[in-house]
Amino acid sequence: MTNKLTPNPTNGVFKVILDKDITAGSLMVKDVSWNTVYKTSFKDQKDIEVDIHSQNQGIYIVRVTSDKNETYSEKLIKK
C-alpha cells in the first residue's frame, strides 16, 4: 500500500491520496496522546480531503484501514 499525504507539513487541510487497491475503509487522525481528532469512512474514493485546522500545531498520525483490514499509518506535521 502506498498512500500519500499532501501537503505535509500542512496548515490544516490536506489530502490523503489512496492506493488504487483500496476501495473502501476508514480514515482516522490521532494526536500524539492517541486521541482521535478526525474520523471518516470512505468507499470508491481516490482521495480524501481532511480539515484539522482547528487542532493545535504538532505531530499527528493519519491511519487508513482498508475493508480488507490492511492498515497504513503516516506521520503528519501541522504547522
PDB file of N, CA and C in Angstrom:
ATOM      1  N   MET A   1       0.845  -1.186   0.000  1.00  0.00           N
ATOM      2  CA  MET A   1       0.000   0.000   0.000  1.00  0.00           C
ATOM      3  C   MET A   1       0.881   1.236   0.000  1.00  0.00           C
ATOM      4  N   THR A   2       0.670   2.099  -0.947  1.00  0.00           N
ATOM      5  CA  THR A   2       1.445   3.333  -0.985  1.00  0.00           C
ATOM      6  C   THR A   2       0.494   4.518  -1.066  1.00  0.00           C
ATOM      7  N   ASN A   3       0.017   4.935   0.082  1.00  0.00           N
ATOM      8  CA  ASN A   3      -0.829   6.114   0.153  1.00  0.00           C
ATOM      9  C   ASN A   3       0.064   7.330   0.314  1.00  0.00           C
ATOM     10  N   LYS A   4      -0.512   8.510   0.091  1.00  0.00           N
ATOM     11  CA  LYS A   4       0.282   9.726   0.131  1.00  0.00           C
ATOM     12  C   LYS A   4      -0.497  10.823   0.842  1.00  0.00           C
ATOM     13  N   LEU A   5       0.184  11.585   1.689  1.00  0.00           N
ATOM     14  CA  LEU A   5      -0.393  12.756   2.333  1.00  0.00           C
ATOM     15  C   LEU A   5       0.191  13.986   1.662  1.00  0.00           C
ATOM     16  N   THR A   6      -0.674  14.919   1.294  1.00  0.00           N
ATOM     17  CA  THR A   6      -0.172  16.135   0.654  1.00  0.00           C
ATOM     18  C   THR A   6      -1.054  17.327   1.004  1.00  0.00           C
ATOM     19  N   PRO A   7      -0.560  18.480   1.353  1.00  0.00           N
ATOM     20  CA  PRO A   7       0.852  18.732   1.662  1.00  0.00           C
ATOM     21  C   PRO A   7       1.203  18.255   3.061  1.00  0.00           C
ATOM     22  N   ASN A   8       2.443  17.963   3.279  1.00  0.00           N
ATOM     23  CA  ASN A   8       2.930  17.555   4.598  1.00  0.00           C
ATOM     24  C   ASN A   8       4.330  18.150   4.756  1.00  0.00           C
ATOM     25  N   PRO A   9       4.507  19.152   5.624  1.00  0.00           N
ATOM     26  CA  PRO A   9       3.593  19.677   6.644  1.00  0.00           C
ATOM     27  C   PRO A   9       2.405  20.439   6.040  1.00  0.00           C
ATOM     28  N   THR A  10       1.349  20.571   6.858  1.00  0.00           N
ATOM     29  CA  THR A  10       0.110  21.200   6.427  1.00  0.00           C
ATOM     30  C   THR A  10      -0.260  22.345   7.366  1.00  0.00           C
ATOM     31  N   ASN A  11      -1.078  23.263   6.853  1.00  0.00           N
ATOM     32  CA  ASN A  11      -1.658  24.305   7.700  1.00  0.00           C
ATOM     33  C   ASN A  11      -2.973  23.848   8.304  1.00  0.00           C
ATOM     34  N   GLY A  12      -3.453  22.678   7.909  1.00  0.00           N
ATOM     35  CA  GLY A  12      -4.692  22.153   8.480  1.00  0.00           C
ATOM     36  C   GLY A  12      -5.531  21.368   7.497  1.00  0.00           C
ATOM     37  N   VAL A  13      -5.474  21.735   6.217  1.00  0.00           N
ATOM     38  CA  VAL A  13      -6.235  21.000   5.207  1.00  0.00           C
ATOM     39  C   VAL A  13      -5.242  20.212   4.361  1.00  0.00           C
ATOM     40  N   PHE A  14      -5.485  18.915   4.243  1.00  0.00           N
ATOM     41  CA  PHE A  14      -4.600  18.069   3.444  1.00  0.00           C
ATOM     42  C   PHE A  14      -5.411  16.982   2.776  1.00  0.00           C
ATOM     43  N   LYS A  15      -4.801  16.322   1.801  1.00  0.00           N
ATOM     44  CA  LYS A  15      -5.452  15.225   1.102  1.00  0.00           C
ATOM     45  C   LYS A  15      -4.713  13.933   1.382  1.00  0.00           C
ATOM     46  N   VAL A  16      -5.481  12.877   1.501  1.00  0.00           N
ATOM     47  CA  VAL A  16      -4.935  11.526   1.548  1.00  0.00           C
ATOM     48  C   VAL A  16      -5.245  10.910   0.188  1.00  0.00           C
ATOM     49  N   ILE A  17      -4.201  10.645  -0.584  1.00  0.00           N
ATOM     50  CA  ILE A  17      -4.373  10.022  -1.897  1.00  0.00           C
ATOM     51  C   ILE A  17      -4.187   8.522  -1.703  1.00  0.00           C
ATOM     52  N   LEU A  18      -5.239   7.777  -1.985  1.00  0.00           N
ATOM     53  CA  LEU A  18      -5.272   6.352  -1.676  1.00  0.00           C
ATOM     54  C   LEU A  18      -4.636   5.511  -2.768  1.00  0.00           C
ATOM     55  N   ASP A  19      -4.052   4.410  -2.349  1.00  0.00           N
ATOM     56  CA  ASP A  19      -3.540   3.395  -3.254  1.00  0.00           C
ATOM     57  C   ASP A  19      -4.709   2.838  -4.078  1.00  0.00           C
ATOM     58  N   LYS A  20      -4.449   2.476  -5.323  1.00  0.00           N
ATOM     59  CA  LYS A  20      -5.527   2.015  -6.205  1.00  0.00           C
ATOM     60  C   LYS A  20      -6.198   0.733  -5.718  1.00  0.00           C
ATOM     61  N   ASP A  21      -5.525  -0.035  -4.860  1.00  0.00           N
ATOM     62  CA  ASP A  21      -6.101  -1.282  -4.366  1.00  0.00           C
ATOM     63  C   ASP A  21      -7.127  -1.068  -3.259  1.00  0.00           C
ATOM     64  N   ILE A  22      -7.165   0.124  -2.690  1.00  0.00           N
ATOM     65  CA  ILE A  22      -8.090   0.382  -1.579  1.00  0.00           C
ATOM     66  C   ILE A  22      -9.385   0.947  -2.141  1.00  0.00           C
ATOM     67  N   THR A  23     -10.483   0.212  -1.953  1.00  0.00           N
ATOM     68  CA  THR A  23     -11.769   0.674  -2.476  1.00  0.00           C
ATOM     69  C   THR A  23     -12.696   1.172  -1.375  1.00  0.00           C
ATOM     70  N   ALA A  24     -12.479   0.728  -0.137  1.00  0.00           N
ATOM     71  CA  ALA A  24     -13.329   1.164   0.966  1.00  0.00           C
ATOM     72  C   ALA A  24     -12.565   0.973   2.272  1.00  0.00           C
ATOM     73  N   GLY A  25     -13.006   1.711   3.290  1.00  0.00           N
ATOM     74  CA  GLY A  25     -12.371   1.586   4.597  1.00  0.00           C
ATOM     75  C   GLY A  25     -12.636   2.801   5.451  1.00  0.00           C
ATOM     76  N   SER A  26     -11.721   3.056   6.388  1.00  0.00           N
ATOM     77  CA  SER A  26     -11.883   4.200   7.281  1.00  0.00           C
ATOM     78  C   SER A  26     -10.567   4.941   7.408  1.00  0.00           C
ATOM     79  N   LEU A  27     -10.679   6.206   7.777  1.00  0.00           N
ATOM     80  CA  LEU A  27      -9.515   7.059   7.962  1.00  0.00           C
ATOM     81  C   LEU A  27      -9.648   7.736   9.315  1.00  0.00           C
ATOM     82  N   MET A  28      -8.569   7.712  10.095  1.00  0.00           N
ATOM     83  CA  MET A  28      -8.548   8.377  11.397  1.00  0.00           C
ATOM     84  C   MET A  28      -7.307   9.235  11.488  1.00  0.00           C
ATOM     85  N   VAL A  29      -7.436  10.368  12.171  1.00  0.00           N
ATOM     86  CA  VAL A  29      -6.289  11.199  12.503  1.00  0.00           C
ATOM     87  C   VAL A  29      -6.224  11.234  14.022  1.00  0.00           C
ATOM     88  N   LYS A  30      -5.045  10.876  14.550  1.00  0.00           N
ATOM     89  CA  LYS A  30      -4.858  10.833  16.004  1.00  0.00           C
ATOM     90  C   LYS A  30      -3.725  11.776  16.393  1.00  0.00           C
ATOM     91  N   ASP A  31      -3.842  12.356  17.597  1.00  0.00           N
ATOM     92  CA  ASP A  31      -2.750  13.196  18.092  1.00  0.00           C
ATOM     93  C   ASP A  31      -1.731  12.323  18.817  1.00  0.00           C
ATOM     94  N   VAL A  32      -0.676  12.945  19.348  1.00  0.00           N
ATOM     95  CA  VAL A  32       0.397  12.159  19.962  1.00  0.00           C
ATOM     96  C   VAL A  32      -0.057  11.469  21.251  1.00  0.00           C
ATOM     97  N   SER A  33      -1.166  11.917  21.833  1.00  0.00           N
ATOM     98  CA  SER A  33      -1.731  11.235  23.007  1.00  0.00           C
ATOM     99  C   SER A  33      -2.696  10.131  22.598  1.00  0.00           C
ATOM    100  N   TRP A  34      -2.774   9.876  21.299  1.00  0.00           N
ATOM    101  CA  TRP A  34      -3.598   8.832  20.695  1.00  0.00           C
ATOM    102  C   TRP A  34      -5.099   9.131  20.785  1.00  0.00           C
ATOM    103  N   ASN A  35      -5.454  10.421  20.948  1.00  0.00           N
ATOM    104  CA  ASN A  35      -6.859  10.825  20.883  1.00  0.00           C
ATOM    105  C   ASN A  35      -7.248  10.991  19.416  1.00  0.00           C
ATOM    106  N   THR A  36      -8.430  10.520  19.056  1.00  0.00           N
ATOM    107  CA  THR A  36      -8.910  10.662  17.687  1.00  0.00           C
ATOM    108  C   THR A  36      -9.426  12.085  17.494  1.00  0.00           C
ATOM    109  N   VAL A  37      -8.854  12.816  16.527  1.00  0.00           N
ATOM    110  CA  VAL A  37      -9.279  14.191  16.268  1.00  0.00           C
ATOM    111  C   VAL A  37     -10.094  14.299  14.968  1.00  0.00           C
ATOM    112  N   TYR A  38     -10.074  13.236  14.159  1.00  0.00           N
ATOM    113  CA  TYR A  38     -10.839  13.224  12.909  1.00  0.00           C
ATOM    114  C   TYR A  38     -11.073  11.774  12.521  1.00  0.00           C
ATOM    115  N   LYS A  39     -12.299  11.481  12.036  1.00  0.00           N
ATOM    116  CA  LYS A  39     -12.600  10.118  11.611  1.00  0.00           C
ATOM    117  C   LYS A  39     -13.634  10.162  10.499  1.00  0.00           C
ATOM    118  N   THR A  40     -13.427   9.351   9.481  1.00  0.00           N
ATOM    119  CA  THR A  40     -14.404   9.249   8.401  1.00  0.00           C
ATOM    120  C   THR A  40     -14.298   7.872   7.746  1.00  0.00           C
ATOM    121  N   SER A  41     -15.356   7.485   7.060  1.00  0.00           N
ATOM    122  CA  SER A  41     -15.346   6.259   6.258  1.00  0.00           C
ATOM    123  C   SER A  41     -15.349   6.664   4.790  1.00  0.00           C
ATOM    124  N   PHE A  42     -14.895   5.768   3.929  1.00  0.00           N
ATOM    125  CA  PHE A  42     -14.873   6.073   2.506  1.00  0.00           C
ATOM    126  C   PHE A  42     -15.188   4.838   1.697  1.00  0.00           C
ATOM    127  N   LYS A  43     -15.691   5.074   0.487  1.00  0.00           N
ATOM    128  CA  LYS A  43     -15.977   3.992  -0.452  1.00  0.00           C
ATOM    129  C   LYS A  43     -15.833   4.563  -1.853  1.00  0.00           C
ATOM    130  N   ASP A  44     -15.059   3.889  -2.681  1.00  0.00           N
ATOM    131  CA  ASP A  44     -14.854   4.279  -4.079  1.00  0.00           C
ATOM    132  C   ASP A  44     -14.353   5.715  -4.223  1.00  0.00           C
ATOM    133  N   GLN A  45     -13.429   6.113  -3.352  1.00  0.00           N
ATOM    134  CA  GLN A  45     -12.799   7.427  -3.458  1.00  0.00           C
ATOM    135  C   GLN A  45     -11.312   7.225  -3.693  1.00  0.00           C
ATOM    136  N   LYS A  46     -10.717   8.087  -4.471  1.00  0.00           N
ATOM    137  CA  LYS A  46      -9.275   8.000  -4.713  1.00  0.00           C
ATOM    138  C   LYS A  46      -8.504   8.958  -3.823  1.00  0.00           C
ATOM    139  N   ASP A  47      -9.169  10.033  -3.395  1.00  0.00           N
ATOM    140  CA  ASP A  47      -8.527  10.920  -2.432  1.00  0.00           C
ATOM    141  C   ASP A  47      -9.569  11.468  -1.464  1.00  0.00           C
ATOM    142  N   ILE A  48      -9.118  11.739  -0.262  1.00  0.00           N
ATOM    143  CA  ILE A  48      -9.983  12.203   0.814  1.00  0.00           C
ATOM    144  C   ILE A  48      -9.402  13.512   1.338  1.00  0.00           C
ATOM    145  N   GLU A  49     -10.225  14.549   1.368  1.00  0.00           N
ATOM    146  CA  GLU A  49      -9.763  15.823   1.919  1.00  0.00           C
ATOM    147  C   GLU A  49     -10.088  15.856   3.406  1.00  0.00           C
ATOM    148  N   VAL A  50      -9.096  16.219   4.197  1.00  0.00           N
ATOM    149  CA  VAL A  50      -9.230  16.249   5.650  1.00  0.00           C
ATOM    150  C   VAL A  50      -8.916  17.663   6.132  1.00  0.00           C
ATOM    151  N   ASP A  51      -9.721  18.163   7.081  1.00  0.00           N
ATOM    152  CA  ASP A  51      -9.511  19.503   7.626  1.00  0.00           C
ATOM    153  C   ASP A  51      -9.321  19.398   9.135  1.00  0.00           C
ATOM    154  N   ILE A  52      -8.092  19.660   9.592  1.00  0.00           N
ATOM    155  CA  ILE A  52      -7.817  19.666  11.037  1.00  0.00           C
ATOM    156  C   ILE A  52      -7.292  21.039  11.467  1.00  0.00           C
ATOM    157  N   HIS A  53      -7.731  22.103  10.765  1.00  0.00           N
ATOM    158  CA  HIS A  53      -7.185  23.435  11.060  1.00  0.00           C
ATOM    159  C   HIS A  53      -7.500  23.900  12.483  1.00  0.00           C
ATOM    160  N   SER A  54      -8.541  23.341  13.102  1.00  0.00           N
ATOM    161  CA  SER A  54      -8.883  23.735  14.474  1.00  0.00           C
ATOM    162  C   SER A  54      -7.996  23.054  15.519  1.00  0.00           C
ATOM    163  N   GLN A  55      -7.164  22.103  15.096  1.00  0.00           N
ATOM    164  CA  GLN A  55      -6.276  21.409  16.023  1.00  0.00           C
ATOM    165  C   GLN A  55      -4.999  22.214  16.248  1.00  0.00           C
ATOM    166  N   ASN A  56      -4.316  21.923  17.344  1.00  0.00           N
ATOM    167  CA  ASN A  56      -3.058  22.601  17.661  1.00  0.00           C
ATOM    168  C   ASN A  56      -1.950  22.175  16.710  1.00  0.00           C
ATOM    169  N   GLN A  57      -0.897  22.999  16.646  1.00  0.00           N
ATOM    170  CA  GLN A  57       0.297  22.615  15.900  1.00  0.00           C
ATOM    171  C   GLN A  57       0.875  21.355  16.528  1.00  0.00           C
ATOM    172  N   GLY A  58       1.521  20.544  15.716  1.00  0.00           N
ATOM    173  CA  GLY A  58       2.168  19.364  16.262  1.00  0.00           C
ATOM    174  C   GLY A  58       2.163  18.211  15.291  1.00  0.00           C
ATOM    175  N   ILE A  59       2.430  17.039  15.835  1.00  0.00           N
ATOM    176  CA  ILE A  59       2.527  15.816  15.037  1.00  0.00           C
ATOM    177  C   ILE A  59       1.247  15.004  15.220  1.00  0.00           C
ATOM    178  N   TYR A  60       0.730  14.508  14.126  1.00  0.00           N
ATOM    179  CA  TYR A  60      -0.473  13.677  14.117  1.00  0.00           C
ATOM    180  C   TYR A  60      -0.169  12.404  13.337  1.00  0.00           C
ATOM    181  N   ILE A  61      -0.928  11.373  13.634  1.00  0.00           N
ATOM    182  CA  ILE A  61      -0.812  10.110  12.908  1.00  0.00           C
ATOM    183  C   ILE A  61      -2.083   9.947  12.072  1.00  0.00           C
ATOM    184  N   VAL A  62      -1.891   9.781  10.768  1.00  0.00           N
ATOM    185  CA  VAL A  62      -3.009   9.532   9.864  1.00  0.00           C
ATOM    186  C   VAL A  62      -3.024   8.030   9.604  1.00  0.00           C
ATOM    187  N   ARG A  63      -4.157   7.411   9.899  1.00  0.00           N
ATOM    188  CA  ARG A  63      -4.256   5.951   9.801  1.00  0.00           C
ATOM    189  C   ARG A  63      -5.407   5.567   8.878  1.00  0.00           C
ATOM    190  N   VAL A  64      -5.084   4.817   7.842  1.00  0.00           N
ATOM    191  CA  VAL A  64      -6.089   4.316   6.902  1.00  0.00           C
ATOM    192  C   VAL A  64      -6.198   2.814   7.119  1.00  0.00           C
ATOM    193  N   THR A  65      -7.430   2.338   7.302  1.00  0.00           N
ATOM    194  CA  THR A  65      -7.678   0.896   7.415  1.00  0.00           C
ATOM    195  C   THR A  65      -8.618   0.513   6.286  1.00  0.00           C
ATOM    196  N   SER A  66      -8.171  -0.411   5.442  1.00  0.00           N
ATOM    197  CA  SER A  66      -8.996  -0.819   4.298  1.00  0.00           C
ATOM    198  C   SER A  66     -10.041  -1.836   4.743  1.00  0.00           C
ATOM    199  N   ASP A  67     -11.010  -2.068   3.858  1.00  0.00           N
ATOM    200  CA  ASP A  67     -12.030  -3.072   4.148  1.00  0.00           C
ATOM    201  C   ASP A  67     -11.449  -4.485   4.156  1.00  0.00           C
ATOM    202  N   LYS A  68     -10.198  -4.637   3.700  1.00  0.00           N
ATOM    203  CA  LYS A  68      -9.513  -5.932   3.764  1.00  0.00           C
ATOM    204  C   LYS A  68      -8.639  -6.018   5.017  1.00  0.00           C
ATOM    205  N   ASN A  69      -8.814  -5.051   5.911  1.00  0.00           N
ATOM    206  CA  ASN A  69      -8.110  -4.985   7.194  1.00  0.00           C
ATOM    207  C   ASN A  69      -6.610  -4.711   7.061  1.00  0.00           C
ATOM    208  N   GLU A  70      -6.201  -4.071   5.971  1.00  0.00           N
ATOM    209  CA  GLU A  70      -4.820  -3.612   5.842  1.00  0.00           C
ATOM    210  C   GLU A  70      -4.753  -2.232   6.485  1.00  0.00           C
ATOM    211  N   THR A  71      -3.687  -1.973   7.206  1.00  0.00           N
ATOM    212  CA  THR A  71      -3.550  -0.692   7.894  1.00  0.00           C
ATOM    213  C   THR A  71      -2.319   0.036   7.391  1.00  0.00           C
ATOM    214  N   TYR A  72      -2.486   1.334   7.195  1.00  0.00           N
ATOM    215  CA  TYR A  72      -1.411   2.194   6.733  1.00  0.00           C
ATOM    216  C   TYR A  72      -1.389   3.413   7.644  1.00  0.00           C
ATOM    217  N   SER A  73      -0.238   3.739   8.193  1.00  0.00           N
ATOM    218  CA  SER A  73      -0.116   4.907   9.055  1.00  0.00           C
ATOM    219  C   SER A  73       1.030   5.784   8.572  1.00  0.00           C
ATOM    220  N   GLU A  74       0.826   7.090   8.695  1.00  0.00           N
ATOM    221  CA  GLU A  74       1.896   8.027   8.343  1.00  0.00           C
ATOM    222  C   GLU A  74       1.824   9.229   9.265  1.00  0.00           C
ATOM    223  N   LYS A  75       3.015   9.774   9.548  1.00  0.00           N
ATOM    224  CA  LYS A  75       3.108  10.945  10.407  1.00  0.00           C
ATOM    225  C   LYS A  75       2.778  12.192   9.591  1.00  0.00           C
ATOM    226  N   LEU A  76       1.989  13.088  10.179  1.00  0.00           N
ATOM    227  CA  LEU A  76       1.632  14.359   9.564  1.00  0.00           C
ATOM    228  C   LEU A  76       2.036  15.478  10.507  1.00  0.00           C
ATOM    229  N   ILE A  77       2.640  16.513   9.957  1.00  0.00           N
ATOM    230  CA  ILE A  77       3.037  17.657  10.776  1.00  0.00           C
ATOM    231  C   ILE A  77       2.093  18.812  10.469  1.00  0.00           C
ATOM    232  N   LYS A  78       1.452  19.338  11.521  1.00  0.00           N
ATOM    233  CA  LYS A  78       0.617  20.515  11.366  1.00  0.00           C
ATOM    234  C   LYS A  78       1.374  21.711  11.891  1.00  0.00           C
ATOM    235  N   LYS A  79       1.542  22.736  11.022  1.00  0.00           N
ATOM    236  CA  LYS A  79       2.302  23.907  11.445  1.00  0.00           C
ATOM    237  C   LYS A  79       1.406  25.052  11.855  1.00  0.00           C
TER     238      LYS A  79
END
